[in-house]
Amino acid sequence: MPNPRLTTDYADIGRVDVAYRIDASTILFDRTLANGSAQAGLAVGLKAAVQNIVELVADAQAVLGQLLRVEPDGVCVVRVGGYAQLPGGLSASLTRGNKIVGALGTASARGYIRDAVAAESPKAGHLISDPTTTTAVWVLLGD
């Protein structure tokens, strides 16, 4: 039997999930897909000037958390605390211990992350814990 102390597993540690409404523009419900959306698993942020609405993050946008599930009524579940695996942006710098902001993926797709630079520090948050797999970067949500 393998020794569980020899592997690092962040799954579900400190998990905090919150319900929000989707913007219905960058995030869409699709009943045929797992978790109700093709965007499940991507990084989201609060839509500017609209209370309790989330959208996929754009480049340099503050990251709220990870979109987990979208329901038919436009309500979604977002992980805002604990560890989550978020995808790194196209050619993004991802450094253990650095704070993150939104980034773009291939074809300028939204919902990805990268290291924040000094000028973005007011929007930067969360900490990269393990950037080994750039498509599934372990991030500690919450500051």
C-alpha atoms as a PDB file:
ATOM      1  CA  MET A   1       0.000   0.000   0.000  1.00  0.00           C
ATOM      2  CA  PRO A   2       1.401   3.458  -0.921  1.00  0.00           C
ATOM      3  CA  ASN A   3       2.271   5.811   1.890  1.00  0.00           C
ATOM      4  CA  PRO A   4      -0.216   8.770   1.801  1.00  0.00           C
ATOM      5  CA  ARG A   5       2.359  11.001   3.486  1.00  0.00           C
ATOM      6  CA  LEU A   6       4.501  10.850   0.339  1.00  0.00           C
ATOM      7  CA  THR A   7       1.934  12.729  -1.770  1.00  0.00           C
ATOM      8  CA  THR A   8       0.715  16.289  -1.483  1.00  0.00           C
ATOM      9  CA  ASP A   9      -3.032  16.671  -1.921  1.00  0.00           C
ATOM     10  CA  TYR A  10      -4.713  20.045  -1.452  1.00  0.00           C
ATOM     11  CA  ALA A  11      -8.219  18.930  -2.497  1.00  0.00           C
ATOM     12  CA  ASP A  12     -11.027  20.249  -0.265  1.00  0.00           C
ATOM     13  CA  ILE A  13      -8.726  21.818   2.358  1.00  0.00           C
ATOM     14  CA  GLY A  14     -10.433  24.920   3.761  1.00  0.00           C
ATOM     15  CA  ARG A  15     -13.142  24.782   1.103  1.00  0.00           C
ATOM     16  CA  VAL A  16     -15.583  27.711   1.043  1.00  0.00           C
ATOM     17  CA  ASP A  17     -18.201  27.813  -1.731  1.00  0.00           C
ATOM     18  CA  VAL A  18     -20.628  30.703  -2.328  1.00  0.00           C
ATOM     19  CA  ALA A  19     -23.617  31.160  -4.665  1.00  0.00           C
ATOM     20  CA  TYR A  20     -23.635  34.042  -7.168  1.00  0.00           C
ATOM     21  CA  ARG A  21     -25.509  34.845 -10.368  1.00  0.00           C
ATOM     22  CA  ILE A  22     -23.820  34.449 -13.757  1.00  0.00           C
ATOM     23  CA  ASP A  23     -23.461  37.297 -16.237  1.00  0.00           C
ATOM     24  CA  ALA A  24     -25.010  35.090 -18.989  1.00  0.00           C
ATOM     25  CA  SER A  25     -22.450  36.479 -21.406  1.00  0.00           C
ATOM     26  CA  THR A  26     -19.058  35.012 -20.502  1.00  0.00           C
ATOM     27  CA  ILE A  27     -20.658  32.181 -18.480  1.00  0.00           C
ATOM     28  CA  LEU A  28     -23.462  30.122 -20.019  1.00  0.00           C
ATOM     29  CA  PHE A  29     -25.628  27.291 -18.723  1.00  0.00           C
ATOM     30  CA  ASP A  30     -25.661  24.078 -20.776  1.00  0.00           C
ATOM     31  CA  ARG A  31     -27.660  21.168 -19.378  1.00  0.00           C
ATOM     32  CA  THR A  32     -25.750  18.683 -21.565  1.00  0.00           C
ATOM     33  CA  LEU A  33     -22.406  19.419 -19.885  1.00  0.00           C
ATOM     34  CA  ALA A  34     -20.979  18.281 -16.575  1.00  0.00           C
ATOM     35  CA  ASN A  35     -21.455  20.957 -13.914  1.00  0.00           C
ATOM     36  CA  GLY A  36     -23.852  22.815 -16.218  1.00  0.00           C
ATOM     37  CA  SER A  37     -21.310  24.845 -18.186  1.00  0.00           C
ATOM     38  CA  ALA A  38     -18.302  24.632 -20.467  1.00  0.00           C
ATOM     39  CA  GLN A  39     -16.777  27.335 -18.253  1.00  0.00           C
ATOM     40  CA  ALA A  40     -16.797  25.231 -15.055  1.00  0.00           C
ATOM     41  CA  GLY A  41     -13.313  25.132 -13.551  1.00  0.00           C
ATOM     42  CA  LEU A  42     -12.257  28.551 -14.843  1.00  0.00           C
ATOM     43  CA  ALA A  43     -11.415  31.679 -12.840  1.00  0.00           C
ATOM     44  CA  VAL A  44     -14.159  34.227 -12.205  1.00  0.00           C
ATOM     45  CA  GLY A  45     -14.337  37.746 -10.855  1.00  0.00           C
ATOM     46  CA  LEU A  46     -17.084  40.116  -9.812  1.00  0.00           C
ATOM     47  CA  LYS A  47     -18.681  42.032 -12.665  1.00  0.00           C
ATOM     48  CA  ALA A  48     -17.925  45.726 -12.242  1.00  0.00           C
ATOM     49  CA  ALA A  49     -20.763  47.799 -10.802  1.00  0.00           C
ATOM     50  CA  VAL A  50     -23.195  44.854 -10.674  1.00  0.00           C
ATOM     51  CA  GLN A  51     -23.872  43.285  -7.279  1.00  0.00           C
ATOM     52  CA  ASN A  52     -23.505  39.497  -6.884  1.00  0.00           C
ATOM     53  CA  ILE A  53     -22.859  38.831 -10.599  1.00  0.00           C
ATOM     54  CA  VAL A  54     -19.729  36.940 -11.692  1.00  0.00           C
ATOM     55  CA  GLU A  55     -17.999  36.770 -15.059  1.00  0.00           C
ATOM     56  CA  LEU A  56     -14.921  35.004 -16.402  1.00  0.00           C
ATOM     57  CA  VAL A  57     -11.867  37.084 -15.530  1.00  0.00           C
ATOM     58  CA  ALA A  58     -10.179  39.209 -18.163  1.00  0.00           C
ATOM     59  CA  ASP A  59      -6.462  39.971 -18.260  1.00  0.00           C
ATOM     60  CA  ALA A  60      -5.292  41.786 -15.086  1.00  0.00           C
ATOM     61  CA  GLN A  61      -8.742  41.514 -13.450  1.00  0.00           C
ATOM     62  CA  ALA A  62      -9.040  40.572  -9.780  1.00  0.00           C
ATOM     63  CA  VAL A  63      -9.854  36.875  -9.284  1.00  0.00           C
ATOM     64  CA  LEU A  64     -12.722  36.030  -6.932  1.00  0.00           C
ATOM     65  CA  GLY A  65     -12.451  32.247  -7.238  1.00  0.00           C
ATOM     66  CA  GLN A  66     -13.199  29.148  -9.305  1.00  0.00           C
ATOM     67  CA  LEU A  67     -16.503  28.494 -11.073  1.00  0.00           C
ATOM     68  CA  LEU A  68     -17.688  25.069  -9.914  1.00  0.00           C
ATOM     69  CA  ARG A  69     -21.226  24.661 -11.227  1.00  0.00           C
ATOM     70  CA  VAL A  70     -23.969  26.561 -13.065  1.00  0.00           C
ATOM     71  CA  GLU A  71     -27.678  25.917 -12.464  1.00  0.00           C
ATOM     72  CA  PRO A  72     -30.539  26.384 -14.973  1.00  0.00           C
ATOM     73  CA  ASP A  73     -31.807  29.491 -13.150  1.00  0.00           C
ATOM     74  CA  GLY A  74     -28.513  31.362 -13.650  1.00  0.00           C
ATOM     75  CA  VAL A  75     -27.191  30.764 -10.145  1.00  0.00           C
ATOM     76  CA  CYS A  76     -23.671  29.376  -9.904  1.00  0.00           C
ATOM     77  CA  VAL A  77     -21.385  28.026  -7.214  1.00  0.00           C
ATOM     78  CA  VAL A  78     -17.964  29.646  -6.847  1.00  0.00           C
ATOM     79  CA  ARG A  79     -15.139  28.379  -4.641  1.00  0.00           C
ATOM     80  CA  VAL A  80     -13.835  31.471  -2.834  1.00  0.00           C
ATOM     81  CA  GLY A  81     -11.794  29.884  -0.047  1.00  0.00           C
ATOM     82  CA  GLY A  82      -9.424  26.985   0.375  1.00  0.00           C
ATOM     83  CA  TYR A  83      -7.456  25.344  -2.415  1.00  0.00           C
ATOM     84  CA  ALA A  84      -8.553  25.259  -6.047  1.00  0.00           C
ATOM     85  CA  GLN A  85      -6.973  24.236  -9.336  1.00  0.00           C
ATOM     86  CA  LEU A  86      -7.110  27.055 -11.869  1.00  0.00           C
ATOM     87  CA  PRO A  87      -5.746  27.023 -15.426  1.00  0.00           C
ATOM     88  CA  GLY A  88      -2.749  29.195 -16.259  1.00  0.00           C
ATOM     89  CA  GLY A  89      -3.037  31.630 -19.144  1.00  0.00           C
ATOM     90  CA  LEU A  90      -1.270  31.357 -22.471  1.00  0.00           C
ATOM     91  CA  SER A  91       2.507  31.630 -21.834  1.00  0.00           C
ATOM     92  CA  ALA A  92       1.722  32.913 -18.322  1.00  0.00           C
ATOM     93  CA  SER A  93       4.310  33.231 -15.575  1.00  0.00           C
ATOM     94  CA  LEU A  94       3.200  31.058 -12.658  1.00  0.00           C
ATOM     95  CA  THR A  95       5.474  31.210  -9.630  1.00  0.00           C
ATOM     96  CA  ARG A  96       4.966  29.470  -6.295  1.00  0.00           C
ATOM     97  CA  GLY A  97       4.163  32.046  -3.605  1.00  0.00           C
ATOM     98  CA  ASN A  98       3.135  34.817  -6.013  1.00  0.00           C
ATOM     99  CA  LYS A  99      -0.277  36.465  -6.056  1.00  0.00           C
ATOM    100  CA  ILE A 100      -2.526  36.115  -9.099  1.00  0.00           C
ATOM    101  CA  VAL A 101      -4.708  38.130 -11.465  1.00  0.00           C
ATOM    102  CA  GLY A 102      -6.756  37.119 -14.484  1.00  0.00           C
ATOM    103  CA  ALA A 103      -5.135  36.142 -17.761  1.00  0.00           C
ATOM    104  CA  LEU A 104      -6.207  35.139 -21.247  1.00  0.00           C
ATOM    105  CA  GLY A 105      -5.924  31.670 -22.770  1.00  0.00           C
ATOM    106  CA  THR A 106      -5.758  30.623 -26.406  1.00  0.00           C
ATOM    107  CA  ALA A 107      -7.813  32.739 -28.818  1.00  0.00           C
ATOM    108  CA  SER A 108      -8.094  35.424 -26.088  1.00  0.00           C
ATOM    109  CA  ALA A 109     -10.339  33.181 -23.989  1.00  0.00           C
ATOM    110  CA  ARG A 110     -11.104  34.564 -20.523  1.00  0.00           C
ATOM    111  CA  GLY A 111     -10.971  32.708 -17.192  1.00  0.00           C
ATOM    112  CA  TYR A 112      -7.264  31.967 -16.768  1.00  0.00           C
ATOM    113  CA  ILE A 113      -4.617  33.150 -14.280  1.00  0.00           C
ATOM    114  CA  ARG A 114      -1.047  34.472 -14.167  1.00  0.00           C
ATOM    115  CA  ASP A 115       1.392  36.067 -11.736  1.00  0.00           C
ATOM    116  CA  ALA A 116       0.483  39.636 -10.839  1.00  0.00           C
ATOM    117  CA  VAL A 117       3.086  42.309 -11.538  1.00  0.00           C
ATOM    118  CA  ALA A 118       3.855  45.132  -9.082  1.00  0.00           C
ATOM    119  CA  ALA A 119       1.559  47.654 -10.790  1.00  0.00           C
ATOM    120  CA  GLU A 120      -1.366  45.234 -10.373  1.00  0.00           C
ATOM    121  CA  SER A 121      -0.907  44.758  -6.622  1.00  0.00           C
ATOM    122  CA  PRO A 122      -4.231  46.443  -5.685  1.00  0.00           C
ATOM    123  CA  LYS A 123      -6.082  43.769  -7.724  1.00  0.00           C
ATOM    124  CA  ALA A 124      -3.774  40.846  -6.896  1.00  0.00           C
ATOM    125  CA  GLY A 125      -4.836  38.196  -4.445  1.00  0.00           C
ATOM    126  CA  HIS A 126      -4.650  34.520  -3.542  1.00  0.00           C
ATOM    127  CA  LEU A 127      -1.349  32.598  -3.607  1.00  0.00           C
ATOM    128  CA  ILE A 128       0.051  30.074  -6.043  1.00  0.00           C
ATOM    129  CA  SER A 129       0.871  26.915  -4.079  1.00  0.00           C
ATOM    130  CA  ASP A 130       1.894  24.489  -6.823  1.00  0.00           C
ATOM    131  CA  PRO A 131       2.370  25.602 -10.445  1.00  0.00           C
ATOM    132  CA  THR A 132       3.754  22.234 -11.617  1.00  0.00           C
ATOM    133  CA  THR A 133       0.841  21.575 -13.989  1.00  0.00           C
ATOM    134  CA  THR A 134       0.044  24.820 -15.823  1.00  0.00           C
ATOM    135  CA  THR A 135      -3.447  23.657 -16.798  1.00  0.00           C
ATOM    136  CA  ALA A 136      -4.279  22.914 -13.138  1.00  0.00           C
ATOM    137  CA  VAL A 137      -2.346  25.300 -10.880  1.00  0.00           C
ATOM    138  CA  TRP A 138      -3.029  24.814  -7.165  1.00  0.00           C
ATOM    139  CA  VAL A 139      -3.989  28.201  -5.705  1.00  0.00           C
ATOM    140  CA  LEU A 140      -4.811  29.031  -2.089  1.00  0.00           C
ATOM    141  CA  LEU A 141      -7.907  31.220  -2.324  1.00  0.00           C
ATOM    142  CA  GLY A 142      -8.273  33.888   0.332  1.00  0.00           C
ATOM    143  CA  ASP A 143      -5.601  36.167   1.687  1.00  0.00           C
END
